[in-house]
Amino acid sequence: LRELGAVNMLKATGVMISVALITGGILNLIL
């Protein structure tokens, strides 16, 4: 359970970072 939780946390952080990078790139293109 602890390992699964850690994996889920890593996946969640990875998704958040990728979304932040994508949104940042879009904002840079727009601005």
Protein backbone atom coordinates (compact mmCIF):
# COMPACT_ATOMS: atom_id res chain seq x y z
CA LEU A 1 0.00 0.00 0.00
CA ARG A 2 2.81 2.43 0.86
CA GLU A 3 4.59 1.68 -2.43
CA LEU A 4 1.39 2.17 -4.41
CA GLY A 5 0.77 5.46 -2.60
CA ALA A 6 4.29 6.64 -3.42
CA VAL A 7 3.83 5.69 -7.09
CA ASN A 8 0.49 7.50 -7.21
CA MET A 9 2.08 10.59 -5.65
CA LEU A 10 4.92 10.50 -8.21
CA LYS A 11 2.40 10.14 -11.05
CA ALA A 12 0.30 13.01 -9.68
CA THR A 13 3.34 15.28 -9.34
CA GLY A 14 4.48 14.34 -12.85
CA VAL A 15 1.05 15.19 -14.28
CA MET A 16 0.98 18.50 -12.40
CA ILE A 17 4.47 19.42 -13.67
CA SER A 18 3.61 18.48 -17.26
CA VAL A 19 0.37 20.49 -17.11
CA ALA A 20 2.25 23.47 -15.64
CA LEU A 21 4.87 23.27 -18.42
CA ILE A 22 2.21 22.99 -21.14
CA THR A 23 0.19 25.91 -19.76
CA GLY A 24 3.39 27.96 -19.40
CA GLY A 25 4.34 27.25 -23.01
CA ILE A 26 0.85 28.20 -24.23
CA LEU A 27 0.94 31.44 -22.22
CA ASN A 28 4.39 32.23 -23.64
CA LEU A 29 3.10 31.64 -27.18
CA ILE A 30 0.01 33.81 -26.55
CA LEU A 31 1.93 36.60 -24.81
